[in-house]
Amino acid sequence: MEKKQTLVSVSVLVLAVAIAAVFITKLTGGSKLPGVSRHAYYYDLNTGELFIDDAALIPPIDAPSGVLKGTERDKAGVRAYVFTCGEDSEADRYIAWLETYTPEAQRLLTQTKPDKSTHPLGGPAGGGPTPLVAQVNPDAPDKLTWTPSLSPMGVKLIHSGITPCPNGSTPKPCFPK
């Protein structure tokens, strides 16, 4: 009988600690989960360089180089999905694809309570705006062709960015430290 009471007491204590941890996490703005970064890689369209910023941002975002060249106020930072076939070092990383949203999609995603009926690709039952994706061509980094990620071309583009490594292994995603 005493063992049963001890087991129940320990179980209640563990449950209470778990619930407290959830509330503390919510109150403090979240904690880093194992294997999850609160930061992401972004690509500066003006310089062709990666930079790090908050993973919760919806691109395009402000880039270190300033306003997008050739515009008066467009933002030059887009999300970069970075992978490696080796170590997670600058020399071994590659950009599999870039991601951004149209101004209208970005506005809808940043609304407190999005109206699904107004999403350009979401519709009444749908999931919301679809990001646009592009691949960087090392020979012409300033010439990007953006396509919807869920289009046949977008799916092909994403798939081609994560093809098997030369040794046959699967590329590993890289996250900022």
N, C-alpha and C. Protein backbone atom coordinates (compact mmCIF):
# COMPACT_ATOMS: atom_id res chain seq x y z
N MET A 1 0.82 -1.19 0.00
CA MET A 1 0.00 0.00 0.00
C MET A 1 0.87 1.25 0.00
N GLU A 2 1.93 1.26 0.81
CA GLU A 2 2.80 2.41 0.89
C GLU A 2 3.52 2.65 -0.44
N LYS A 3 3.92 1.58 -1.15
CA LYS A 3 4.57 1.71 -2.45
C LYS A 3 3.63 2.36 -3.45
N LYS A 4 2.36 1.97 -3.39
CA LYS A 4 1.36 2.51 -4.30
C LYS A 4 1.18 4.02 -4.05
N GLN A 5 1.13 4.43 -2.79
CA GLN A 5 0.98 5.85 -2.46
C GLN A 5 2.21 6.64 -2.90
N THR A 6 3.39 6.06 -2.71
CA THR A 6 4.63 6.72 -3.13
C THR A 6 4.64 6.90 -4.64
N LEU A 7 4.24 5.86 -5.37
CA LEU A 7 4.20 5.92 -6.83
C LEU A 7 3.22 6.99 -7.30
N VAL A 8 2.07 7.06 -6.68
CA VAL A 8 1.06 8.08 -7.03
C VAL A 8 1.61 9.46 -6.72
N SER A 9 2.25 9.62 -5.56
CA SER A 9 2.81 10.92 -5.19
C SER A 9 3.88 11.37 -6.18
N VAL A 10 4.76 10.46 -6.56
CA VAL A 10 5.82 10.78 -7.52
C VAL A 10 5.20 11.14 -8.87
N SER A 11 4.20 10.39 -9.30
CA SER A 11 3.52 10.67 -10.57
C SER A 11 2.87 12.04 -10.57
N VAL A 12 2.21 12.39 -9.49
CA VAL A 12 1.56 13.70 -9.37
C VAL A 12 2.62 14.80 -9.39
N LEU A 13 3.74 14.58 -8.70
CA LEU A 13 4.82 15.56 -8.68
C LEU A 13 5.41 15.76 -10.07
N VAL A 14 5.65 14.67 -10.79
CA VAL A 14 6.20 14.76 -12.15
C VAL A 14 5.23 15.51 -13.06
N LEU A 15 3.95 15.20 -12.95
CA LEU A 15 2.93 15.88 -13.74
C LEU A 15 2.89 17.37 -13.41
N ALA A 16 2.96 17.71 -12.14
CA ALA A 16 2.94 19.12 -11.72
C ALA A 16 4.16 19.87 -12.26
N VAL A 17 5.32 19.25 -12.23
CA VAL A 17 6.54 19.88 -12.76
C VAL A 17 6.40 20.08 -14.27
N ALA A 18 5.85 19.09 -14.97
CA ALA A 18 5.67 19.20 -16.42
C ALA A 18 4.70 20.34 -16.76
N ILE A 19 3.61 20.43 -16.04
CA ILE A 19 2.63 21.51 -16.27
C ILE A 19 3.26 22.86 -15.96
N ALA A 20 4.01 22.95 -14.88
CA ALA A 20 4.68 24.21 -14.53
C ALA A 20 5.68 24.60 -15.62
N ALA A 21 6.40 23.63 -16.16
CA ALA A 21 7.36 23.91 -17.22
C ALA A 21 6.67 24.47 -18.45
N VAL A 22 5.52 23.93 -18.80
CA VAL A 22 4.75 24.42 -19.95
C VAL A 22 4.33 25.87 -19.71
N PHE A 23 3.80 26.17 -18.53
CA PHE A 23 3.36 27.53 -18.23
C PHE A 23 4.54 28.50 -18.20
N ILE A 24 5.65 28.11 -17.63
CA ILE A 24 6.83 28.97 -17.58
C ILE A 24 7.33 29.25 -19.00
N THR A 25 7.33 28.21 -19.83
CA THR A 25 7.75 28.37 -21.22
C THR A 25 6.86 29.37 -21.93
N LYS A 26 5.55 29.26 -21.74
CA LYS A 26 4.60 30.19 -22.37
C LYS A 26 4.80 31.61 -21.85
N LEU A 27 5.01 31.76 -20.56
CA LEU A 27 5.15 33.09 -19.96
C LEU A 27 6.46 33.76 -20.34
N THR A 28 7.51 32.98 -20.56
CA THR A 28 8.81 33.57 -20.87
C THR A 28 9.06 33.67 -22.36
N GLY A 29 8.05 33.37 -23.15
CA GLY A 29 8.21 33.50 -24.60
C GLY A 29 8.81 32.27 -25.25
N GLY A 30 8.84 31.18 -24.58
CA GLY A 30 9.31 29.94 -25.18
C GLY A 30 10.77 29.66 -24.85
N SER A 31 11.10 28.42 -24.87
CA SER A 31 12.48 28.03 -24.67
C SER A 31 12.92 27.22 -25.87
N LYS A 32 14.19 27.10 -26.03
CA LYS A 32 14.71 26.36 -27.16
C LYS A 32 14.46 24.87 -26.96
N LEU A 33 13.82 24.27 -27.95
CA LEU A 33 13.60 22.83 -27.91
C LEU A 33 14.82 22.15 -28.49
N PRO A 34 15.12 20.93 -28.06
CA PRO A 34 16.28 20.23 -28.60
C PRO A 34 16.15 20.09 -30.12
N GLY A 35 17.21 20.48 -30.84
CA GLY A 35 17.22 20.36 -32.29
C GLY A 35 16.46 21.45 -33.02
N VAL A 36 15.92 22.42 -32.30
CA VAL A 36 15.16 23.50 -32.94
C VAL A 36 15.83 24.82 -32.63
N SER A 37 16.07 25.60 -33.68
CA SER A 37 16.71 26.90 -33.50
C SER A 37 15.66 28.00 -33.53
N ARG A 38 15.86 29.00 -32.71
CA ARG A 38 14.97 30.17 -32.73
C ARG A 38 15.43 31.16 -33.79
N HIS A 39 16.51 30.82 -34.49
CA HIS A 39 17.05 31.66 -35.55
C HIS A 39 17.06 30.86 -36.85
N ALA A 40 17.13 31.58 -37.95
CA ALA A 40 17.15 30.94 -39.26
C ALA A 40 18.15 31.66 -40.15
N TYR A 41 18.51 30.98 -41.23
CA TYR A 41 19.36 31.61 -42.23
C TYR A 41 18.47 32.39 -43.20
N TYR A 42 18.97 33.55 -43.56
CA TYR A 42 18.33 34.39 -44.57
C TYR A 42 19.39 34.74 -45.60
N TYR A 43 18.94 35.08 -46.79
CA TYR A 43 19.83 35.39 -47.91
C TYR A 43 19.61 36.84 -48.30
N ASP A 44 20.70 37.58 -48.40
CA ASP A 44 20.64 38.98 -48.79
C ASP A 44 20.67 39.03 -50.32
N LEU A 45 19.56 39.42 -50.93
CA LEU A 45 19.46 39.45 -52.39
C LEU A 45 20.42 40.45 -53.02
N ASN A 46 20.86 41.46 -52.27
CA ASN A 46 21.80 42.44 -52.80
C ASN A 46 23.23 41.93 -52.83
N THR A 47 23.62 41.16 -51.83
CA THR A 47 25.02 40.74 -51.70
C THR A 47 25.25 39.26 -52.00
N GLY A 48 24.18 38.47 -51.96
CA GLY A 48 24.33 37.04 -52.15
C GLY A 48 24.91 36.33 -50.93
N GLU A 49 24.84 36.97 -49.77
CA GLU A 49 25.41 36.40 -48.55
C GLU A 49 24.32 35.98 -47.58
N LEU A 50 24.64 34.96 -46.78
CA LEU A 50 23.73 34.52 -45.73
C LEU A 50 23.86 35.42 -44.51
N PHE A 51 22.75 35.60 -43.81
CA PHE A 51 22.77 36.26 -42.51
C PHE A 51 21.76 35.56 -41.62
N ILE A 52 21.83 35.80 -40.33
CA ILE A 52 20.98 35.11 -39.36
C ILE A 52 20.02 36.11 -38.74
N ASP A 53 18.76 35.67 -38.57
CA ASP A 53 17.76 36.50 -37.89
C ASP A 53 16.73 35.57 -37.26
N ASP A 54 15.72 36.14 -36.65
CA ASP A 54 14.66 35.41 -35.97
C ASP A 54 13.92 34.49 -36.93
N ALA A 55 13.77 33.23 -36.57
CA ALA A 55 13.10 32.24 -37.42
C ALA A 55 11.61 32.53 -37.60
N ALA A 56 11.02 33.33 -36.73
CA ALA A 56 9.59 33.62 -36.82
C ALA A 56 9.26 34.71 -37.84
N LEU A 57 10.28 35.36 -38.40
CA LEU A 57 10.03 36.42 -39.36
C LEU A 57 9.49 35.86 -40.68
N ILE A 58 8.63 36.62 -41.32
CA ILE A 58 8.04 36.21 -42.59
C ILE A 58 8.70 37.02 -43.69
N PRO A 59 9.46 36.37 -44.58
CA PRO A 59 10.19 37.12 -45.62
C PRO A 59 9.25 37.67 -46.70
N PRO A 60 9.69 38.78 -47.32
CA PRO A 60 11.00 39.39 -47.23
C PRO A 60 11.17 40.22 -45.95
N ILE A 61 12.42 40.28 -45.49
CA ILE A 61 12.75 41.02 -44.28
C ILE A 61 13.88 42.00 -44.57
N ASP A 62 14.15 42.89 -43.61
CA ASP A 62 15.27 43.80 -43.76
C ASP A 62 16.56 43.00 -43.82
N ALA A 63 17.44 43.39 -44.75
CA ALA A 63 18.73 42.73 -44.91
C ALA A 63 19.85 43.68 -44.49
N PRO A 64 21.01 43.14 -44.14
CA PRO A 64 22.13 43.99 -43.73
C PRO A 64 22.51 45.04 -44.78
N SER A 65 22.31 44.73 -46.05
CA SER A 65 22.71 45.66 -47.12
C SER A 65 21.71 46.78 -47.36
N GLY A 66 20.56 46.72 -46.72
CA GLY A 66 19.56 47.77 -46.88
C GLY A 66 18.46 47.38 -47.86
N VAL A 67 17.92 48.38 -48.52
CA VAL A 67 16.79 48.21 -49.43
C VAL A 67 17.22 47.42 -50.67
N LEU A 68 16.30 46.63 -51.21
CA LEU A 68 16.56 45.84 -52.41
C LEU A 68 16.97 46.76 -53.56
N LYS A 69 18.10 46.45 -54.19
CA LYS A 69 18.61 47.27 -55.29
C LYS A 69 17.55 47.40 -56.38
N GLY A 70 17.43 48.60 -56.90
CA GLY A 70 16.48 48.86 -57.96
C GLY A 70 15.08 49.20 -57.48
N THR A 71 14.90 49.25 -56.15
CA THR A 71 13.60 49.61 -55.58
C THR A 71 13.81 50.74 -54.59
N GLU A 72 12.72 51.32 -54.16
CA GLU A 72 12.83 52.40 -53.19
C GLU A 72 12.65 51.93 -51.76
N ARG A 73 11.92 50.81 -51.58
CA ARG A 73 11.68 50.37 -50.20
C ARG A 73 11.47 48.86 -50.03
N ASP A 74 11.64 48.08 -51.09
CA ASP A 74 11.47 46.63 -50.94
C ASP A 74 12.59 46.05 -50.09
N LYS A 75 12.25 45.01 -49.35
CA LYS A 75 13.22 44.38 -48.45
C LYS A 75 14.02 43.32 -49.21
N ALA A 76 15.28 43.18 -48.87
CA ALA A 76 16.20 42.31 -49.61
C ALA A 76 16.51 40.98 -48.92
N GLY A 77 15.89 40.69 -47.78
CA GLY A 77 16.19 39.45 -47.07
C GLY A 77 15.12 38.39 -47.30
N VAL A 78 15.54 37.22 -47.76
CA VAL A 78 14.61 36.10 -47.97
C VAL A 78 15.13 34.88 -47.21
N ARG A 79 14.24 33.99 -46.85
CA ARG A 79 14.61 32.79 -46.08
C ARG A 79 15.47 31.87 -46.93
N ALA A 80 16.52 31.32 -46.36
CA ALA A 80 17.41 30.39 -47.05
C ALA A 80 17.35 29.04 -46.35
N TYR A 81 17.11 27.99 -47.10
CA TYR A 81 17.13 26.64 -46.56
C TYR A 81 18.51 26.07 -46.87
N VAL A 82 19.27 25.88 -45.81
CA VAL A 82 20.68 25.53 -45.92
C VAL A 82 20.89 24.08 -45.49
N PHE A 83 21.66 23.35 -46.28
CA PHE A 83 21.95 21.94 -46.01
C PHE A 83 23.44 21.69 -46.14
N THR A 84 23.85 20.50 -45.71
CA THR A 84 25.24 20.08 -45.85
C THR A 84 25.31 18.59 -46.12
N CYS A 85 26.35 18.21 -46.85
CA CYS A 85 26.64 16.79 -47.06
C CYS A 85 27.82 16.36 -46.19
N GLY A 86 28.36 17.31 -45.45
CA GLY A 86 29.50 17.02 -44.58
C GLY A 86 29.23 17.56 -43.20
N GLU A 87 30.21 18.29 -42.69
CA GLU A 87 30.07 18.93 -41.39
C GLU A 87 29.26 20.22 -41.55
N ASP A 88 28.66 20.66 -40.47
CA ASP A 88 27.91 21.91 -40.52
C ASP A 88 28.91 23.06 -40.37
N SER A 89 29.69 23.24 -41.41
CA SER A 89 30.68 24.34 -41.43
C SER A 89 30.40 25.19 -42.65
N GLU A 90 30.87 26.42 -42.60
CA GLU A 90 30.61 27.35 -43.70
C GLU A 90 31.06 26.78 -45.04
N ALA A 91 32.18 26.06 -45.05
CA ALA A 91 32.72 25.51 -46.29
C ALA A 91 31.85 24.39 -46.86
N ASP A 92 31.14 23.66 -46.01
CA ASP A 92 30.36 22.51 -46.47
C ASP A 92 28.88 22.81 -46.70
N ARG A 93 28.42 24.00 -46.34
CA ARG A 93 26.99 24.33 -46.47
C ARG A 93 26.65 24.73 -47.90
N TYR A 94 25.40 24.46 -48.26
CA TYR A 94 24.90 24.97 -49.54
C TYR A 94 23.44 25.39 -49.36
N ILE A 95 23.01 26.33 -50.18
CA ILE A 95 21.63 26.81 -50.14
C ILE A 95 20.81 25.94 -51.08
N ALA A 96 19.86 25.20 -50.51
CA ALA A 96 19.02 24.32 -51.32
C ALA A 96 17.96 25.13 -52.07
N TRP A 97 17.34 26.08 -51.38
CA TRP A 97 16.37 26.97 -52.01
C TRP A 97 16.12 28.18 -51.12
N LEU A 98 15.52 29.18 -51.73
CA LEU A 98 15.15 30.41 -51.04
C LEU A 98 13.62 30.47 -50.97
N GLU A 99 13.12 31.24 -50.00
CA GLU A 99 11.68 31.35 -49.83
C GLU A 99 11.30 32.79 -49.50
N THR A 100 10.20 33.25 -50.07
CA THR A 100 9.66 34.57 -49.75
C THR A 100 8.15 34.54 -49.97
N TYR A 101 7.52 35.64 -49.67
CA TYR A 101 6.07 35.77 -49.86
C TYR A 101 5.79 37.06 -50.63
N THR A 102 4.66 37.10 -51.29
CA THR A 102 4.23 38.34 -51.92
C THR A 102 3.85 39.31 -50.82
N PRO A 103 3.81 40.61 -51.12
CA PRO A 103 3.39 41.57 -50.08
C PRO A 103 2.01 41.25 -49.52
N GLU A 104 1.07 40.85 -50.36
CA GLU A 104 -0.28 40.52 -49.90
C GLU A 104 -0.26 39.29 -48.98
N ALA A 105 0.48 38.26 -49.36
CA ALA A 105 0.57 37.05 -48.52
C ALA A 105 1.24 37.38 -47.19
N GLN A 106 2.28 38.19 -47.23
CA GLN A 106 2.97 38.58 -46.00
C GLN A 106 2.01 39.34 -45.07
N ARG A 107 1.22 40.23 -45.64
CA ARG A 107 0.24 40.98 -44.85
C ARG A 107 -0.76 40.03 -44.21
N LEU A 108 -1.26 39.07 -44.98
CA LEU A 108 -2.24 38.12 -44.45
C LEU A 108 -1.64 37.25 -43.34
N LEU A 109 -0.39 36.85 -43.51
CA LEU A 109 0.25 36.00 -42.51
C LEU A 109 0.56 36.74 -41.22
N THR A 110 0.69 38.04 -41.29
CA THR A 110 1.01 38.80 -40.08
C THR A 110 -0.23 39.34 -39.39
N GLN A 111 -1.40 39.11 -39.96
CA GLN A 111 -2.64 39.51 -39.29
C GLN A 111 -2.81 38.69 -38.02
N THR A 112 -3.41 39.28 -37.00
CA THR A 112 -3.65 38.56 -35.76
C THR A 112 -4.59 37.39 -35.99
N LYS A 113 -5.69 37.64 -36.67
CA LYS A 113 -6.65 36.59 -36.98
C LYS A 113 -6.91 36.61 -38.47
N PRO A 114 -6.12 35.84 -39.25
CA PRO A 114 -6.29 35.87 -40.69
C PRO A 114 -7.69 35.40 -41.10
N ASP A 115 -8.21 36.04 -42.11
CA ASP A 115 -9.49 35.66 -42.68
C ASP A 115 -9.21 34.69 -43.81
N LYS A 116 -9.42 33.39 -43.57
CA LYS A 116 -9.08 32.37 -44.55
C LYS A 116 -9.79 32.57 -45.88
N SER A 117 -10.95 33.21 -45.87
CA SER A 117 -11.67 33.40 -47.12
C SER A 117 -10.95 34.38 -48.04
N THR A 118 -9.99 35.17 -47.51
CA THR A 118 -9.29 36.12 -48.36
C THR A 118 -7.89 35.66 -48.75
N HIS A 119 -7.46 34.51 -48.28
CA HIS A 119 -6.14 34.03 -48.65
C HIS A 119 -6.09 33.74 -50.14
N PRO A 120 -5.07 34.22 -50.83
CA PRO A 120 -5.00 34.06 -52.26
C PRO A 120 -5.00 32.60 -52.72
N LEU A 121 -4.40 31.73 -51.94
CA LEU A 121 -4.36 30.31 -52.32
C LEU A 121 -4.97 29.40 -51.27
N GLY A 122 -5.51 29.97 -50.21
CA GLY A 122 -6.01 29.16 -49.12
C GLY A 122 -7.46 28.78 -49.26
N GLY A 123 -8.32 29.72 -49.52
CA GLY A 123 -9.74 29.45 -49.63
C GLY A 123 -10.34 29.12 -48.29
N PRO A 124 -11.65 28.90 -48.24
CA PRO A 124 -12.36 28.66 -46.99
C PRO A 124 -11.84 27.46 -46.19
N ALA A 125 -11.41 26.41 -46.88
CA ALA A 125 -10.94 25.23 -46.15
C ALA A 125 -9.42 25.21 -46.07
N GLY A 126 -8.78 26.23 -46.60
CA GLY A 126 -7.37 26.11 -46.86
C GLY A 126 -6.41 26.62 -45.82
N GLY A 127 -5.15 26.37 -46.10
CA GLY A 127 -4.10 26.63 -45.15
C GLY A 127 -3.43 27.98 -45.26
N GLY A 128 -3.78 28.81 -46.20
CA GLY A 128 -3.17 30.13 -46.26
C GLY A 128 -2.26 30.30 -47.44
N PRO A 129 -1.59 31.44 -47.49
CA PRO A 129 -0.73 31.77 -48.62
C PRO A 129 0.41 30.78 -48.79
N THR A 130 0.73 30.52 -50.02
CA THR A 130 1.83 29.63 -50.36
C THR A 130 3.08 30.46 -50.60
N PRO A 131 4.21 30.06 -50.03
CA PRO A 131 5.44 30.82 -50.28
C PRO A 131 5.91 30.64 -51.72
N LEU A 132 6.72 31.58 -52.15
CA LEU A 132 7.39 31.48 -53.43
C LEU A 132 8.79 30.96 -53.17
N VAL A 133 9.31 30.13 -54.07
CA VAL A 133 10.64 29.57 -53.89
C VAL A 133 11.49 29.82 -55.14
N ALA A 134 12.80 29.81 -54.95
CA ALA A 134 13.75 29.99 -56.05
C ALA A 134 15.05 29.31 -55.65
N GLN A 135 15.86 28.99 -56.65
CA GLN A 135 17.20 28.45 -56.39
C GLN A 135 18.23 29.47 -56.84
N VAL A 136 19.33 29.51 -56.12
CA VAL A 136 20.42 30.41 -56.48
C VAL A 136 21.29 29.71 -57.52
N ASN A 137 21.50 30.38 -58.62
CA ASN A 137 22.43 29.90 -59.63
C ASN A 137 23.76 30.58 -59.35
N PRO A 138 24.81 29.82 -58.97
CA PRO A 138 26.10 30.44 -58.64
C PRO A 138 26.66 31.30 -59.77
N ASP A 139 26.32 30.96 -61.02
CA ASP A 139 26.82 31.73 -62.16
C ASP A 139 26.07 33.05 -62.35
N ALA A 140 24.84 33.14 -61.84
CA ALA A 140 24.03 34.36 -61.97
C ALA A 140 23.17 34.53 -60.71
N PRO A 141 23.82 34.82 -59.54
CA PRO A 141 23.08 34.88 -58.28
C PRO A 141 22.01 35.95 -58.22
N ASP A 142 22.09 36.97 -59.08
CA ASP A 142 21.10 38.03 -59.05
C ASP A 142 19.90 37.74 -59.95
N LYS A 143 19.92 36.64 -60.66
CA LYS A 143 18.82 36.28 -61.55
C LYS A 143 18.05 35.11 -60.94
N LEU A 144 16.99 35.44 -60.20
CA LEU A 144 16.18 34.43 -59.54
C LEU A 144 14.81 34.38 -60.22
N THR A 145 14.29 33.16 -60.35
CA THR A 145 12.94 32.97 -60.86
C THR A 145 12.10 32.40 -59.74
N TRP A 146 11.15 33.20 -59.24
CA TRP A 146 10.30 32.78 -58.13
C TRP A 146 9.10 32.03 -58.66
N THR A 147 8.76 30.94 -57.99
CA THR A 147 7.61 30.12 -58.38
C THR A 147 6.89 29.65 -57.12
N PRO A 148 5.57 29.46 -57.15
CA PRO A 148 4.86 28.97 -55.96
C PRO A 148 5.41 27.60 -55.52
N SER A 149 5.63 27.45 -54.22
CA SER A 149 6.24 26.22 -53.71
C SER A 149 5.41 24.97 -53.96
N LEU A 150 4.10 25.11 -54.07
CA LEU A 150 3.25 23.94 -54.28
C LEU A 150 2.97 23.66 -55.75
N SER A 151 3.51 24.47 -56.64
CA SER A 151 3.35 24.23 -58.07
C SER A 151 4.26 23.07 -58.46
N PRO A 152 4.00 22.41 -59.60
CA PRO A 152 4.91 21.33 -60.03
C PRO A 152 6.37 21.79 -60.11
N MET A 153 6.58 23.01 -60.63
CA MET A 153 7.95 23.51 -60.73
C MET A 153 8.54 23.79 -59.34
N GLY A 154 7.73 24.32 -58.41
CA GLY A 154 8.19 24.58 -57.06
C GLY A 154 8.58 23.30 -56.33
N VAL A 155 7.75 22.28 -56.45
CA VAL A 155 8.04 20.99 -55.81
C VAL A 155 9.32 20.39 -56.40
N LYS A 156 9.47 20.49 -57.71
CA LYS A 156 10.68 19.97 -58.37
C LYS A 156 11.91 20.73 -57.89
N LEU A 157 11.79 22.04 -57.76
CA LEU A 157 12.89 22.88 -57.32
C LEU A 157 13.34 22.49 -55.90
N ILE A 158 12.39 22.34 -54.99
CA ILE A 158 12.71 21.95 -53.61
C ILE A 158 13.34 20.56 -53.59
N HIS A 159 12.75 19.64 -54.33
CA HIS A 159 13.27 18.27 -54.36
C HIS A 159 14.70 18.24 -54.90
N SER A 160 14.99 19.04 -55.92
CA SER A 160 16.33 19.04 -56.50
C SER A 160 17.37 19.62 -55.54
N GLY A 161 16.91 20.42 -54.57
CA GLY A 161 17.83 20.99 -53.60
C GLY A 161 18.26 20.04 -52.51
N ILE A 162 17.54 18.93 -52.37
CA ILE A 162 17.89 17.97 -51.30
C ILE A 162 18.12 16.57 -51.88
N THR A 163 18.75 16.52 -53.03
CA THR A 163 19.10 15.24 -53.63
C THR A 163 20.21 14.58 -52.82
N PRO A 164 20.36 13.27 -52.95
CA PRO A 164 21.39 12.57 -52.17
C PRO A 164 22.79 13.14 -52.37
N CYS A 165 23.56 13.06 -51.33
CA CYS A 165 24.95 13.50 -51.35
C CYS A 165 25.77 12.55 -52.22
N PRO A 166 26.97 12.97 -52.62
CA PRO A 166 27.82 12.09 -53.44
C PRO A 166 28.05 10.70 -52.84
N ASN A 167 28.07 10.61 -51.50
CA ASN A 167 28.29 9.31 -50.86
C ASN A 167 26.98 8.53 -50.67
N GLY A 168 25.86 9.08 -51.17
CA GLY A 168 24.58 8.40 -51.08
C GLY A 168 23.74 8.75 -49.85
N SER A 169 24.34 9.50 -48.92
CA SER A 169 23.59 9.88 -47.71
C SER A 169 22.64 11.03 -48.01
N THR A 170 21.72 11.27 -47.10
CA THR A 170 20.77 12.37 -47.23
C THR A 170 21.39 13.64 -46.68
N PRO A 171 21.27 14.76 -47.39
CA PRO A 171 21.80 16.02 -46.85
C PRO A 171 21.14 16.36 -45.51
N LYS A 172 21.89 16.99 -44.64
CA LYS A 172 21.39 17.38 -43.32
C LYS A 172 21.09 18.87 -43.32
N PRO A 173 19.94 19.26 -42.75
CA PRO A 173 19.66 20.69 -42.65
C PRO A 173 20.61 21.36 -41.66
N CYS A 174 20.97 22.60 -41.95
CA CYS A 174 21.85 23.38 -41.07
C CYS A 174 21.02 24.47 -40.40
N PHE A 175 21.25 24.67 -39.13
CA PHE A 175 20.56 25.70 -38.36
C PHE A 175 21.60 26.57 -37.68
N PRO A 176 21.33 27.87 -37.58
CA PRO A 176 22.28 28.73 -36.88
C PRO A 176 22.47 28.29 -35.44
N LYS A 177 23.65 28.46 -34.94
CA LYS A 177 23.96 28.06 -33.57
C LYS A 177 23.54 29.15 -32.61
